[in-house]
Protein backbone atom coordinates (compact mmCIF):
# COMPACT_ATOMS: atom_id res chain seq x y z
CA MET A 1 0.01 -0.01 0.00
CA SER A 2 1.35 3.42 -0.89
CA LYS A 3 1.69 6.30 1.57
CA SER A 4 -1.16 8.21 -0.06
CA MET A 5 -3.58 5.30 0.44
CA ARG A 6 -2.80 4.71 4.09
CA MET A 7 -5.80 4.87 6.47
CA PRO A 8 -5.53 7.43 9.29
CA THR A 9 -4.92 6.06 12.78
CA HIS A 10 -6.84 8.85 14.51
CA PRO A 11 -10.38 10.19 13.92
CA PRO A 12 -10.73 13.29 11.76
CA ARG A 13 -10.69 16.63 13.64
CA PHE A 14 -14.37 17.33 12.98
CA ALA A 15 -15.34 14.16 14.85
CA GLY A 16 -13.90 15.61 18.05
CA ALA A 17 -15.82 18.83 17.56
CA ALA A 18 -19.04 16.93 16.88
CA ALA A 19 -18.54 14.78 19.97
CA GLY A 20 -17.93 17.91 22.07
CA CYS A 21 -21.09 19.53 20.76
CA ALA A 22 -23.10 16.39 21.41
CA LEU A 23 -21.73 16.26 24.98
CA ALA A 24 -22.63 19.93 25.58
CA LEU A 25 -26.16 19.42 24.30
CA ALA A 26 -26.65 16.29 26.47
CA LEU A 27 -25.36 18.07 29.58
CA SER A 28 -27.55 21.07 28.83
CA ALA A 29 -30.64 18.89 28.44
CA ALA A 30 -29.83 17.18 31.72
CA GLY A 31 -29.65 20.58 33.50
CA VAL A 32 -25.91 20.44 34.08
CA THR A 33 -24.26 23.85 33.64
CA GLY A 34 -20.71 24.96 33.51
CA PRO A 35 -18.09 25.84 30.95
CA ALA A 36 -18.68 24.22 27.57
CA PRO A 37 -16.01 21.83 26.16
CA ALA A 38 -13.49 23.62 23.93
CA ALA A 39 -14.65 21.67 20.85
CA ALA A 40 -18.18 23.02 21.38
CA ALA A 41 -17.12 26.66 21.23
CA ALA A 42 -18.71 27.22 17.79
CA PRO A 43 -21.39 29.89 17.97
CA VAL A 44 -24.96 28.67 18.26
CA SER A 45 -27.88 30.86 17.39
CA ALA A 46 -30.09 31.81 20.35
CA PRO A 47 -33.67 30.63 20.48
CA ALA A 48 -36.39 33.00 19.37
CA SER A 49 -37.53 33.59 22.92
CA ALA A 50 -35.30 33.17 25.93
CA PRO A 51 -36.52 30.58 28.45
CA GLN A 52 -37.95 31.85 31.71
CA PRO A 53 -35.84 31.40 34.82
CA LYS A 54 -36.42 28.11 36.56
CA GLN A 55 -39.18 28.20 39.15
CA TYR A 56 -40.13 25.88 41.91
CA THR A 57 -43.22 23.73 41.26
CA ALA A 58 -46.39 23.54 43.33
CA ALA A 59 -45.32 20.07 44.48
CA GLN A 60 -41.99 21.43 45.69
CA VAL A 61 -43.71 24.29 47.54
CA TYR A 62 -46.13 21.83 49.14
CA GLY A 63 -43.19 19.69 50.34
CA PHE A 64 -41.45 22.78 51.67
CA LEU A 65 -44.53 23.92 53.64
CA VAL A 66 -45.19 20.44 55.09
CA LYS A 67 -41.59 20.22 56.30
CA PHE A 68 -41.51 23.87 57.41
CA TYR A 69 -44.64 23.69 59.56
CA GLY A 70 -44.27 20.08 60.67
CA GLN A 71 -46.88 18.94 63.20
CA HIS A 72 -46.53 21.77 65.72
CA GLY A 73 -44.94 24.71 63.91
CA PRO A 74 -41.60 25.75 62.44
CA SER A 75 -38.37 25.03 64.28
CA ALA A 76 -36.12 27.85 65.52
CA TYR A 77 -33.72 27.03 62.65
CA ASP A 78 -36.46 27.26 60.03
CA ARG A 79 -37.75 30.50 61.56
CA MET A 80 -34.26 31.95 61.15
CA HIS A 81 -33.17 30.55 57.79
CA LYS A 82 -36.37 29.80 55.82
CA VAL A 83 -38.32 32.98 56.41
CA ASP A 84 -37.87 36.23 54.44
CA ALA A 85 -36.15 38.98 56.40
CA ASP A 86 -39.20 41.32 56.37
CA LEU A 87 -41.50 38.61 57.68
CA ARG A 88 -38.88 37.65 60.30
CA LYS A 89 -38.88 41.31 61.52
CA ARG A 90 -42.63 41.37 61.62
CA ALA A 91 -42.71 38.12 63.63
CA ALA A 92 -40.12 39.46 66.09
CA ALA A 93 -42.13 42.61 66.65
CA ALA A 94 -45.37 40.72 67.44
CA LYS A 95 -45.04 40.08 71.17
CA GLY A 96 -47.29 37.34 72.56
CA SER A 97 -48.42 36.15 69.11
CA ASP A 98 -46.84 33.78 66.62
CA VAL A 99 -47.19 35.51 63.24
CA LEU A 100 -46.06 32.41 61.34
CA LEU A 101 -48.96 30.37 62.85
CA CYS A 102 -51.50 33.15 63.33
CA ALA A 103 -51.83 31.87 66.92
CA GLN A 104 -50.68 32.34 70.49
CA ASN A 105 -50.13 28.69 71.36
CA VAL A 106 -48.72 25.49 69.83
CA PRO A 107 -51.31 23.57 67.79
CA ARG A 108 -52.11 19.84 68.19
CA SER A 109 -51.33 19.38 64.46
CA ILE A 110 -50.99 21.30 61.20
CA SER A 111 -52.10 20.45 57.68
CA VAL A 112 -51.22 22.09 54.37
CA GLY A 113 -53.80 22.43 51.58
CA ARG A 114 -53.48 22.66 47.80
CA VAL A 115 -50.76 24.98 46.54
CA THR A 116 -51.54 27.62 43.90
CA ALA A 117 -48.50 28.71 41.93
CA GLU A 118 -48.60 31.83 39.71
CA ARG A 119 -46.30 32.82 36.87
CA SER A 120 -45.74 36.05 38.77
CA GLY A 121 -43.31 34.16 40.96
CA MET A 122 -45.42 33.56 44.08
CA ALA A 123 -47.22 30.50 45.41
CA TRP A 124 -49.64 30.17 48.29
CA ALA A 125 -51.48 27.53 50.18
CA PRO A 126 -54.02 27.34 52.98
CA VAL A 127 -52.59 26.06 56.23
CA THR A 128 -54.89 24.73 58.94
CA THR A 129 -53.97 24.51 62.60
CA HIS A 130 -55.84 21.90 64.65
CA TRP A 131 -56.36 22.52 68.35
CA LYS A 132 -57.16 20.31 71.38
CA ALA A 133 -59.81 22.80 72.44
CA GLY A 134 -61.59 25.14 70.07
CA PRO A 135 -62.15 25.21 66.34
CA ASP A 136 -59.49 24.69 63.68
CA LYS A 137 -57.98 27.91 62.35
CA ARG A 138 -56.83 28.64 58.86
CA PHE A 139 -54.28 31.03 57.36
CA THR A 140 -52.53 31.43 54.01
CA ALA A 141 -48.76 30.98 53.58
CA TYR A 142 -46.90 32.58 50.66
CA VAL A 143 -43.66 31.21 49.17
CA GLY A 144 -41.42 32.62 46.44
CA LEU A 145 -40.96 30.49 43.31
CA LYS A 146 -37.69 31.84 41.89
CA GLY A 147 -35.55 28.67 41.53
CA SER A 148 -32.26 30.54 41.72
CA LEU A 149 -33.06 31.50 45.33
CA PRO A 150 -33.52 29.21 48.34
CA MET A 151 -37.19 28.55 49.02
CA LYS A 152 -38.52 30.81 51.78
CA LEU A 153 -41.76 31.83 53.41
CA TYR A 154 -42.46 35.40 52.33
CA ASP A 155 -45.76 36.23 53.99
CA VAL A 156 -48.62 34.89 56.09
CA THR A 157 -52.16 36.24 56.11
CA CYS A 158 -54.46 35.20 58.91
CA ASP A 159 -57.90 34.35 57.54
CA GLY A 160 -59.81 35.23 60.64
């Protein structure tokens, strides 16, 4: 066999670039972010409309509220780290009343209702406190949906 007919022992250069692009697309589809491989540095046209920032789902907010409130109310850690600063200040200023529970005592149990999530970036759910004596009480808890931020309780409105 002559030198000009010899088969290459390495893949052509464009195969490496194609593999790098395929890897970048697969990682992007899987939600993995980070610097793109050098072979995938070729410019790619942007989509017609930019995707909205990731938001938490109603199911994620429901799970957050169930863990946050537990059976008897939020823990000291959750009150400090999972509550928006403005609501935390409002709760600290309310002497003799628990703003996060719309109550003065510890309930027998707590249940969280159906979460409503809006595109505006806020979700809310009814929360019911059950008492040993007296009727159940209900309030509404509001949670921010912006996925780039840690999930936090932003407001509570007492229903009556």
